[in-house]
Amino acid sequence: AAAGVPYALRYYRKDILRLIAEISMGAGTLAMIGGTLVIVGFLTLATGGTLAVQGYSSLGDIGIEALTGFLAAFINVRISAPVVAGIGLA
C-alpha cells in the first residue's frame, strides 16, 4: 500500500484534498486557513521589509549600518513575529 502513495498523489490529487477536507474540518475551513496563511505571510513580509529599511536608515544616522542584520533578526523574532501573528489571526 505504501508503494502506491506516489501514484495516488500524482493522479488523484483533487480527490485526496477533497477527502482530507471532508474528514478533517470541511472545505470552507480549509480555504479559510489557507487564506489566513497568505495574509500572515504578506504581513510578515511587509513588516520585515519596513523594519529593514527603517533600521538601516536609523542606524546609518549614527554610523553603525553593519548592525542592521542583528537589529532585524532580534526585533523580528522578539517583537514583530508575535505582533503580526496576533493581528493576522485576530
PDB file of N, CA and C in Angstrom:
ATOM      1  N   ALA A   1       0.820  -1.190   0.000  1.00  0.00           N
ATOM      2  CA  ALA A   1       0.000   0.000   0.000  1.00  0.00           C
ATOM      3  C   ALA A   1       0.866   1.257   0.000  1.00  0.00           C
ATOM      4  N   ALA A   2       1.991   1.218   0.699  1.00  0.00           N
ATOM      5  CA  ALA A   2       2.849   2.399   0.763  1.00  0.00           C
ATOM      6  C   ALA A   2       3.497   2.692  -0.584  1.00  0.00           C
ATOM      7  N   ALA A   3       3.686   1.691  -1.400  1.00  0.00           N
ATOM      8  CA  ALA A   3       4.298   1.901  -2.706  1.00  0.00           C
ATOM      9  C   ALA A   3       3.363   2.643  -3.651  1.00  0.00           C
ATOM     10  N   GLY A   4       2.070   2.616  -3.400  1.00  0.00           N
ATOM     11  CA  GLY A   4       1.109   3.288  -4.255  1.00  0.00           C
ATOM     12  C   GLY A   4       0.886   4.748  -3.913  1.00  0.00           C
ATOM     13  N   VAL A   5       1.513   5.257  -2.843  1.00  0.00           N
ATOM     14  CA  VAL A   5       1.313   6.647  -2.433  1.00  0.00           C
ATOM     15  C   VAL A   5       1.773   7.635  -3.508  1.00  0.00           C
ATOM     16  N   PRO A   6       2.957   7.490  -4.093  1.00  0.00           N
ATOM     17  CA  PRO A   6       3.347   8.443  -5.147  1.00  0.00           C
ATOM     18  C   PRO A   6       2.394   8.432  -6.345  1.00  0.00           C
ATOM     19  N   TYR A   7       1.924   7.253  -6.704  1.00  0.00           N
ATOM     20  CA  TYR A   7       0.970   7.150  -7.816  1.00  0.00           C
ATOM     21  C   TYR A   7      -0.326   7.888  -7.474  1.00  0.00           C
ATOM     22  N   ALA A   8      -0.814   7.683  -6.266  1.00  0.00           N
ATOM     23  CA  ALA A   8      -2.052   8.338  -5.852  1.00  0.00           C
ATOM     24  C   ALA A   8      -1.876   9.854  -5.781  1.00  0.00           C
ATOM     25  N   LEU A   9      -0.740  10.298  -5.287  1.00  0.00           N
ATOM     26  CA  LEU A   9      -0.502  11.741  -5.214  1.00  0.00           C
ATOM     27  C   LEU A   9      -0.401  12.371  -6.602  1.00  0.00           C
ATOM     28  N   ARG A  10       0.114  11.630  -7.539  1.00  0.00           N
ATOM     29  CA  ARG A  10       0.280  12.162  -8.890  1.00  0.00           C
ATOM     30  C   ARG A  10      -1.048  12.217  -9.632  1.00  0.00           C
ATOM     31  N   TYR A  11      -1.850  11.168  -9.540  1.00  0.00           N
ATOM     32  CA  TYR A  11      -3.034  11.072 -10.379  1.00  0.00           C
ATOM     33  C   TYR A  11      -4.358  11.405  -9.677  1.00  0.00           C
ATOM     34  N   TYR A  12      -4.376  11.410  -8.367  1.00  0.00           N
ATOM     35  CA  TYR A  12      -5.626  11.632  -7.647  1.00  0.00           C
ATOM     36  C   TYR A  12      -5.502  12.780  -6.639  1.00  0.00           C
ATOM     37  N   ARG A  13      -4.785  13.842  -7.018  1.00  0.00           N
ATOM     38  CA  ARG A  13      -4.525  14.956  -6.116  1.00  0.00           C
ATOM     39  C   ARG A  13      -5.825  15.626  -5.644  1.00  0.00           C
ATOM     40  N   LYS A  14      -6.751  15.919  -6.556  1.00  0.00           N
ATOM     41  CA  LYS A  14      -8.003  16.585  -6.178  1.00  0.00           C
ATOM     42  C   LYS A  14      -8.831  15.724  -5.224  1.00  0.00           C
ATOM     43  N   ASP A  15      -8.892  14.441  -5.507  1.00  0.00           N
ATOM     44  CA  ASP A  15      -9.661  13.549  -4.649  1.00  0.00           C
ATOM     45  C   ASP A  15      -9.050  13.453  -3.255  1.00  0.00           C
ATOM     46  N   ILE A  16      -7.733  13.428  -3.181  1.00  0.00           N
ATOM     47  CA  ILE A  16      -7.072  13.343  -1.872  1.00  0.00           C
ATOM     48  C   ILE A  16      -7.358  14.600  -1.058  1.00  0.00           C
ATOM     49  N   LEU A  17      -7.244  15.781  -1.691  1.00  0.00           N
ATOM     50  CA  LEU A  17      -7.541  17.025  -0.976  1.00  0.00           C
ATOM     51  C   LEU A  17      -9.001  17.092  -0.557  1.00  0.00           C
ATOM     52  N   ARG A  18      -9.897  16.627  -1.429  1.00  0.00           N
ATOM     53  CA  ARG A  18     -11.318  16.637  -1.092  1.00  0.00           C
ATOM     54  C   ARG A  18     -11.603  15.742   0.109  1.00  0.00           C
ATOM     55  N   LEU A  19     -10.981  14.568   0.129  1.00  0.00           N
ATOM     56  CA  LEU A  19     -11.192  13.644   1.239  1.00  0.00           C
ATOM     57  C   LEU A  19     -10.590  14.167   2.544  1.00  0.00           C
ATOM     58  N   ILE A  20      -9.410  14.776   2.460  1.00  0.00           N
ATOM     59  CA  ILE A  20      -8.810  15.349   3.667  1.00  0.00           C
ATOM     60  C   ILE A  20      -9.691  16.461   4.212  1.00  0.00           C
ATOM     61  N   ALA A  21     -10.197  17.316   3.342  1.00  0.00           N
ATOM     62  CA  ALA A  21     -11.072  18.397   3.785  1.00  0.00           C
ATOM     63  C   ALA A  21     -12.370  17.857   4.366  1.00  0.00           C
ATOM     64  N   GLU A  22     -12.903  16.824   3.753  1.00  0.00           N
ATOM     65  CA  GLU A  22     -14.154  16.234   4.223  1.00  0.00           C
ATOM     66  C   GLU A  22     -13.979  15.566   5.585  1.00  0.00           C
ATOM     67  N   ILE A  23     -12.865  14.885   5.775  1.00  0.00           N
ATOM     68  CA  ILE A  23     -12.626  14.173   7.024  1.00  0.00           C
ATOM     69  C   ILE A  23     -12.285  15.141   8.143  1.00  0.00           C
ATOM     70  N   SER A  24     -11.452  16.120   7.852  1.00  0.00           N
ATOM     71  CA  SER A  24     -10.946  16.976   8.927  1.00  0.00           C
ATOM     72  C   SER A  24     -11.959  18.022   9.356  1.00  0.00           C
ATOM     73  N   MET A  25     -12.135  19.076   8.574  1.00  0.00           N
ATOM     74  CA  MET A  25     -12.954  20.185   9.040  1.00  0.00           C
ATOM     75  C   MET A  25     -13.970  20.669   8.024  1.00  0.00           C
ATOM     76  N   GLY A  26     -13.831  20.299   6.808  1.00  0.00           N
ATOM     77  CA  GLY A  26     -14.696  20.803   5.760  1.00  0.00           C
ATOM     78  C   GLY A  26     -13.896  21.693   4.817  1.00  0.00           C
ATOM     79  N   ALA A  27     -14.407  21.860   3.608  1.00  0.00           N
ATOM     80  CA  ALA A  27     -13.676  22.618   2.593  1.00  0.00           C
ATOM     81  C   ALA A  27     -13.606  24.100   2.931  1.00  0.00           C
ATOM     82  N   GLY A  28     -14.643  24.640   3.549  1.00  0.00           N
ATOM     83  CA  GLY A  28     -14.654  26.062   3.902  1.00  0.00           C
ATOM     84  C   GLY A  28     -13.579  26.406   4.911  1.00  0.00           C
ATOM     85  N   THR A  29     -13.419  25.587   5.910  1.00  0.00           N
ATOM     86  CA  THR A  29     -12.401  25.828   6.926  1.00  0.00           C
ATOM     87  C   THR A  29     -11.010  25.678   6.336  1.00  0.00           C
ATOM     88  N   LEU A  30     -10.827  24.709   5.454  1.00  0.00           N
ATOM     89  CA  LEU A  30      -9.528  24.518   4.811  1.00  0.00           C
ATOM     90  C   LEU A  30      -9.171  25.742   3.966  1.00  0.00           C
ATOM     91  N   ALA A  31     -10.137  26.304   3.249  1.00  0.00           N
ATOM     92  CA  ALA A  31      -9.898  27.511   2.455  1.00  0.00           C
ATOM     93  C   ALA A  31      -9.617  28.705   3.354  1.00  0.00           C
ATOM     94  N   MET A  32     -10.320  28.791   4.480  1.00  0.00           N
ATOM     95  CA  MET A  32     -10.114  29.893   5.407  1.00  0.00           C
ATOM     96  C   MET A  32      -8.698  29.859   5.990  1.00  0.00           C
ATOM     97  N   ILE A  33      -8.232  28.675   6.351  1.00  0.00           N
ATOM     98  CA  ILE A  33      -6.879  28.539   6.898  1.00  0.00           C
ATOM     99  C   ILE A  33      -5.848  28.901   5.834  1.00  0.00           C
ATOM    100  N   GLY A  34      -6.059  28.474   4.602  1.00  0.00           N
ATOM    101  CA  GLY A  34      -5.150  28.832   3.514  1.00  0.00           C
ATOM    102  C   GLY A  34      -5.102  30.329   3.285  1.00  0.00           C
ATOM    103  N   GLY A  35      -6.257  30.990   3.351  1.00  0.00           N
ATOM    104  CA  GLY A  35      -6.300  32.447   3.198  1.00  0.00           C
ATOM    105  C   GLY A  35      -5.598  33.152   4.342  1.00  0.00           C
ATOM    106  N   THR A  36      -5.761  32.630   5.545  1.00  0.00           N
ATOM    107  CA  THR A  36      -5.103  33.224   6.702  1.00  0.00           C
ATOM    108  C   THR A  36      -3.595  33.120   6.581  1.00  0.00           C
ATOM    109  N   LEU A  37      -3.106  31.990   6.099  1.00  0.00           N
ATOM    110  CA  LEU A  37      -1.660  31.823   5.920  1.00  0.00           C
ATOM    111  C   LEU A  37      -1.102  32.817   4.907  1.00  0.00           C
ATOM    112  N   VAL A  38      -1.844  33.080   3.853  1.00  0.00           N
ATOM    113  CA  VAL A  38      -1.388  34.046   2.853  1.00  0.00           C
ATOM    114  C   VAL A  38      -1.336  35.443   3.462  1.00  0.00           C
ATOM    115  N   ILE A  39      -2.356  35.807   4.224  1.00  0.00           N
ATOM    116  CA  ILE A  39      -2.398  37.144   4.845  1.00  0.00           C
ATOM    117  C   ILE A  39      -1.273  37.302   5.859  1.00  0.00           C
ATOM    118  N   VAL A  40      -1.065  36.306   6.706  1.00  0.00           N
ATOM    119  CA  VAL A  40       0.008  36.390   7.704  1.00  0.00           C
ATOM    120  C   VAL A  40       1.374  36.435   7.008  1.00  0.00           C
ATOM    121  N   GLY A  41       1.549  35.690   5.938  1.00  0.00           N
ATOM    122  CA  GLY A  41       2.798  35.749   5.181  1.00  0.00           C
ATOM    123  C   GLY A  41       3.039  37.122   4.585  1.00  0.00           C
ATOM    124  N   PHE A  42       2.004  37.731   4.019  1.00  0.00           N
ATOM    125  CA  PHE A  42       2.144  39.075   3.458  1.00  0.00           C
ATOM    126  C   PHE A  42       2.450  40.102   4.543  1.00  0.00           C
ATOM    127  N   LEU A  43       1.756  40.003   5.672  1.00  0.00           N
ATOM    128  CA  LEU A  43       2.026  40.927   6.776  1.00  0.00           C
ATOM    129  C   LEU A  43       3.464  40.790   7.278  1.00  0.00           C
ATOM    130  N   THR A  44       3.944  39.563   7.381  1.00  0.00           N
ATOM    131  CA  THR A  44       5.320  39.332   7.835  1.00  0.00           C
ATOM    132  C   THR A  44       6.315  39.905   6.841  1.00  0.00           C
ATOM    133  N   LEU A  45       6.075  39.706   5.550  1.00  0.00           N
ATOM    134  CA  LEU A  45       6.961  40.243   4.517  1.00  0.00           C
ATOM    135  C   LEU A  45       6.989  41.770   4.563  1.00  0.00           C
ATOM    136  N   ALA A  46       5.820  42.383   4.666  1.00  0.00           N
ATOM    137  CA  ALA A  46       5.754  43.845   4.704  1.00  0.00           C
ATOM    138  C   ALA A  46       6.411  44.399   5.969  1.00  0.00           C
ATOM    139  N   THR A  47       6.168  43.760   7.101  1.00  0.00           N
ATOM    140  CA  THR A  47       6.757  44.225   8.357  1.00  0.00           C
ATOM    141  C   THR A  47       8.273  44.070   8.344  1.00  0.00           C
ATOM    142  N   GLY A  48       8.758  42.941   7.869  1.00  0.00           N
ATOM    143  CA  GLY A  48      10.201  42.726   7.803  1.00  0.00           C
ATOM    144  C   GLY A  48      10.884  43.705   6.858  1.00  0.00           C
ATOM    145  N   GLY A  49      10.266  43.974   5.727  1.00  0.00           N
ATOM    146  CA  GLY A  49      10.839  44.943   4.781  1.00  0.00           C
ATOM    147  C   GLY A  49      10.883  46.341   5.350  1.00  0.00           C
ATOM    148  N   THR A  50       9.794  46.746   5.969  1.00  0.00           N
ATOM    149  CA  THR A  50       9.747  48.070   6.587  1.00  0.00           C
ATOM    150  C   THR A  50      10.775  48.187   7.704  1.00  0.00           C
ATOM    151  N   LEU A  51      10.875  47.154   8.504  1.00  0.00           N
ATOM    152  CA  LEU A  51      11.850  47.153   9.594  1.00  0.00           C
ATOM    153  C   LEU A  51      13.275  47.241   9.062  1.00  0.00           C
ATOM    154  N   ALA A  52      13.565  46.532   7.982  1.00  0.00           N
ATOM    155  CA  ALA A  52      14.918  46.559   7.417  1.00  0.00           C
ATOM    156  C   ALA A  52      15.254  47.943   6.874  1.00  0.00           C
ATOM    157  N   VAL A  53      14.334  48.553   6.145  1.00  0.00           N
ATOM    158  CA  VAL A  53      14.596  49.877   5.567  1.00  0.00           C
ATOM    159  C   VAL A  53      14.732  50.926   6.666  1.00  0.00           C
ATOM    160  N   GLN A  54      13.809  50.919   7.618  1.00  0.00           N
ATOM    161  CA  GLN A  54      13.864  51.906   8.690  1.00  0.00           C
ATOM    162  C   GLN A  54      15.064  51.674   9.611  1.00  0.00           C
ATOM    163  N   GLY A  55      15.384  50.423   9.875  1.00  0.00           N
ATOM    164  CA  GLY A  55      16.539  50.119  10.712  1.00  0.00           C
ATOM    165  C   GLY A  55      17.835  50.570  10.071  1.00  0.00           C
ATOM    166  N   TYR A  56      17.984  50.311   8.770  1.00  0.00           N
ATOM    167  CA  TYR A  56      19.192  50.744   8.067  1.00  0.00           C
ATOM    168  C   TYR A  56      19.310  52.262   8.086  1.00  0.00           C
ATOM    169  N   SER A  57      18.184  52.932   7.844  1.00  0.00           N
ATOM    170  CA  SER A  57      18.183  54.392   7.840  1.00  0.00           C
ATOM    171  C   SER A  57      18.532  54.951   9.217  1.00  0.00           C
ATOM    172  N   SER A  58      17.925  54.402  10.250  1.00  0.00           N
ATOM    173  CA  SER A  58      18.166  54.896  11.608  1.00  0.00           C
ATOM    174  C   SER A  58      19.584  54.592  12.074  1.00  0.00           C
ATOM    175  N   LEU A  59      20.071  53.385  11.787  1.00  0.00           N
ATOM    176  CA  LEU A  59      21.428  53.049  12.198  1.00  0.00           C
ATOM    177  C   LEU A  59      22.465  53.801  11.364  1.00  0.00           C
ATOM    178  N   GLY A  60      22.105  54.180  10.150  1.00  0.00           N
ATOM    179  CA  GLY A  60      23.006  54.964   9.313  1.00  0.00           C
ATOM    180  C   GLY A  60      23.233  56.352   9.872  1.00  0.00           C
ATOM    181  N   ASP A  61      22.249  56.883  10.595  1.00  0.00           N
ATOM    182  CA  ASP A  61      22.396  58.207  11.197  1.00  0.00           C
ATOM    183  C   ASP A  61      23.497  58.233  12.251  1.00  0.00           C
ATOM    184  N   ILE A  62      23.731  57.116  12.914  1.00  0.00           N
ATOM    185  CA  ILE A  62      24.767  57.094  13.946  1.00  0.00           C
ATOM    186  C   ILE A  62      25.993  56.295  13.511  1.00  0.00           C
ATOM    187  N   GLY A  63      25.998  55.841  12.252  1.00  0.00           N
ATOM    188  CA  GLY A  63      27.194  55.242  11.678  1.00  0.00           C
ATOM    189  C   GLY A  63      27.416  53.764  11.957  1.00  0.00           C
ATOM    190  N   ILE A  64      26.373  53.019  12.282  1.00  0.00           N
ATOM    191  CA  ILE A  64      26.564  51.585  12.537  1.00  0.00           C
ATOM    192  C   ILE A  64      25.598  50.756  11.679  1.00  0.00           C
ATOM    193  N   GLU A  65      25.637  51.013  10.364  1.00  0.00           N
ATOM    194  CA  GLU A  65      24.764  50.281   9.441  1.00  0.00           C
ATOM    195  C   GLU A  65      25.030  48.786   9.451  1.00  0.00           C
ATOM    196  N   ALA A  66      26.222  48.399   9.852  1.00  0.00           N
ATOM    197  CA  ALA A  66      26.597  46.980   9.844  1.00  0.00           C
ATOM    198  C   ALA A  66      25.752  46.162  10.821  1.00  0.00           C
ATOM    199  N   LEU A  67      25.139  46.806  11.780  1.00  0.00           N
ATOM    200  CA  LEU A  67      24.307  46.090  12.754  1.00  0.00           C
ATOM    201  C   LEU A  67      22.853  45.938  12.310  1.00  0.00           C
ATOM    202  N   THR A  68      22.549  46.278  11.064  1.00  0.00           N
ATOM    203  CA  THR A  68      21.171  46.167  10.577  1.00  0.00           C
ATOM    204  C   THR A  68      20.683  44.724  10.618  1.00  0.00           C
ATOM    205  N   GLY A  69      21.533  43.775  10.255  1.00  0.00           N
ATOM    206  CA  GLY A  69      21.140  42.357  10.292  1.00  0.00           C
ATOM    207  C   GLY A  69      20.814  41.899  11.697  1.00  0.00           C
ATOM    208  N   PHE A  70      21.643  42.296  12.645  1.00  0.00           N
ATOM    209  CA  PHE A  70      21.376  41.941  14.046  1.00  0.00           C
ATOM    210  C   PHE A  70      20.070  42.559  14.529  1.00  0.00           C
ATOM    211  N   LEU A  71      19.868  43.842  14.212  1.00  0.00           N
ATOM    212  CA  LEU A  71      18.645  44.528  14.626  1.00  0.00           C
ATOM    213  C   LEU A  71      17.414  43.838  14.040  1.00  0.00           C
ATOM    214  N   ALA A  72      17.457  43.524  12.752  1.00  0.00           N
ATOM    215  CA  ALA A  72      16.323  42.873  12.097  1.00  0.00           C
ATOM    216  C   ALA A  72      16.070  41.496  12.687  1.00  0.00           C
ATOM    217  N   ALA A  73      17.136  40.726  12.908  1.00  0.00           N
ATOM    218  CA  ALA A  73      16.967  39.381  13.460  1.00  0.00           C
ATOM    219  C   ALA A  73      16.397  39.435  14.871  1.00  0.00           C
ATOM    220  N   PHE A  74      16.865  40.345  15.662  1.00  0.00           N
ATOM    221  CA  PHE A  74      16.407  40.455  17.048  1.00  0.00           C
ATOM    222  C   PHE A  74      14.970  40.948  17.114  1.00  0.00           C
ATOM    223  N   ILE A  75      14.661  42.029  16.411  1.00  0.00           N
ATOM    224  CA  ILE A  75      13.325  42.620  16.511  1.00  0.00           C
ATOM    225  C   ILE A  75      12.278  41.748  15.818  1.00  0.00           C
ATOM    226  N   ASN A  76      12.616  41.136  14.683  1.00  0.00           N
ATOM    227  CA  ASN A  76      11.641  40.280  14.004  1.00  0.00           C
ATOM    228  C   ASN A  76      11.209  39.114  14.881  1.00  0.00           C
ATOM    229  N   VAL A  77      12.158  38.501  15.565  1.00  0.00           N
ATOM    230  CA  VAL A  77      11.832  37.330  16.377  1.00  0.00           C
ATOM    231  C   VAL A  77      11.147  37.725  17.674  1.00  0.00           C
ATOM    232  N   ARG A  78      11.639  38.748  18.335  1.00  0.00           N
ATOM    233  CA  ARG A  78      11.144  39.098  19.664  1.00  0.00           C
ATOM    234  C   ARG A  78       9.888  39.947  19.658  1.00  0.00           C
ATOM    235  N   ILE A  79       9.746  40.837  18.689  1.00  0.00           N
ATOM    236  CA  ILE A  79       8.642  41.795  18.720  1.00  0.00           C
ATOM    237  C   ILE A  79       7.693  41.617  17.543  1.00  0.00           C
ATOM    238  N   SER A  80       8.258  41.635  16.345  1.00  0.00           N
ATOM    239  CA  SER A  80       7.442  41.686  15.141  1.00  0.00           C
ATOM    240  C   SER A  80       6.627  40.413  14.912  1.00  0.00           C
ATOM    241  N   ALA A  81       7.224  39.250  15.053  1.00  0.00           N
ATOM    242  CA  ALA A  81       6.519  37.998  14.766  1.00  0.00           C
ATOM    243  C   ALA A  81       5.299  37.789  15.666  1.00  0.00           C
ATOM    244  N   PRO A  82       5.404  37.971  16.985  1.00  0.00           N
ATOM    245  CA  PRO A  82       4.199  37.807  17.805  1.00  0.00           C
ATOM    246  C   PRO A  82       3.108  38.836  17.510  1.00  0.00           C
ATOM    247  N   VAL A  83       3.516  40.067  17.213  1.00  0.00           N
ATOM    248  CA  VAL A  83       2.525  41.100  16.908  1.00  0.00           C
ATOM    249  C   VAL A  83       1.819  40.796  15.595  1.00  0.00           C
ATOM    250  N   VAL A  84       2.590  40.428  14.573  1.00  0.00           N
ATOM    251  CA  VAL A  84       1.994  40.103  13.270  1.00  0.00           C
ATOM    252  C   VAL A  84       1.091  38.885  13.376  1.00  0.00           C
ATOM    253  N   ALA A  85       1.505  37.881  14.107  1.00  0.00           N
ATOM    254  CA  ALA A  85       0.669  36.688  14.272  1.00  0.00           C
ATOM    255  C   ALA A  85      -0.628  37.037  15.002  1.00  0.00           C
ATOM    256  N   GLY A  86      -0.542  37.873  16.001  1.00  0.00           N
ATOM    257  CA  GLY A  86      -1.750  38.292  16.725  1.00  0.00           C
ATOM    258  C   GLY A  86      -2.708  39.074  15.847  1.00  0.00           C
ATOM    259  N   ILE A  87      -2.167  39.979  15.044  1.00  0.00           N
ATOM    260  CA  ILE A  87      -3.018  40.775  14.147  1.00  0.00           C
ATOM    261  C   ILE A  87      -3.591  39.900  13.048  1.00  0.00           C
ATOM    262  N   GLY A  88      -2.767  39.044  12.480  1.00  0.00           N
ATOM    263  CA  GLY A  88      -3.227  38.206  11.369  1.00  0.00           C
ATOM    264  C   GLY A  88      -4.265  37.179  11.778  1.00  0.00           C
ATOM    265  N   LEU A  89      -4.186  36.693  12.981  1.00  0.00           N
ATOM    266  CA  LEU A  89      -5.128  35.663  13.428  1.00  0.00           C
ATOM    267  C   LEU A  89      -6.328  36.239  14.177  1.00  0.00           C
ATOM    268  N   ALA A  90      -6.350  37.549  14.359  1.00  0.00           N
ATOM    269  CA  ALA A  90      -7.477  38.177  15.081  1.00  0.00           C
ATOM    270  C   ALA A  90      -8.725  38.224  14.232  1.00  0.00           C
TER     271      ALA A  90
END
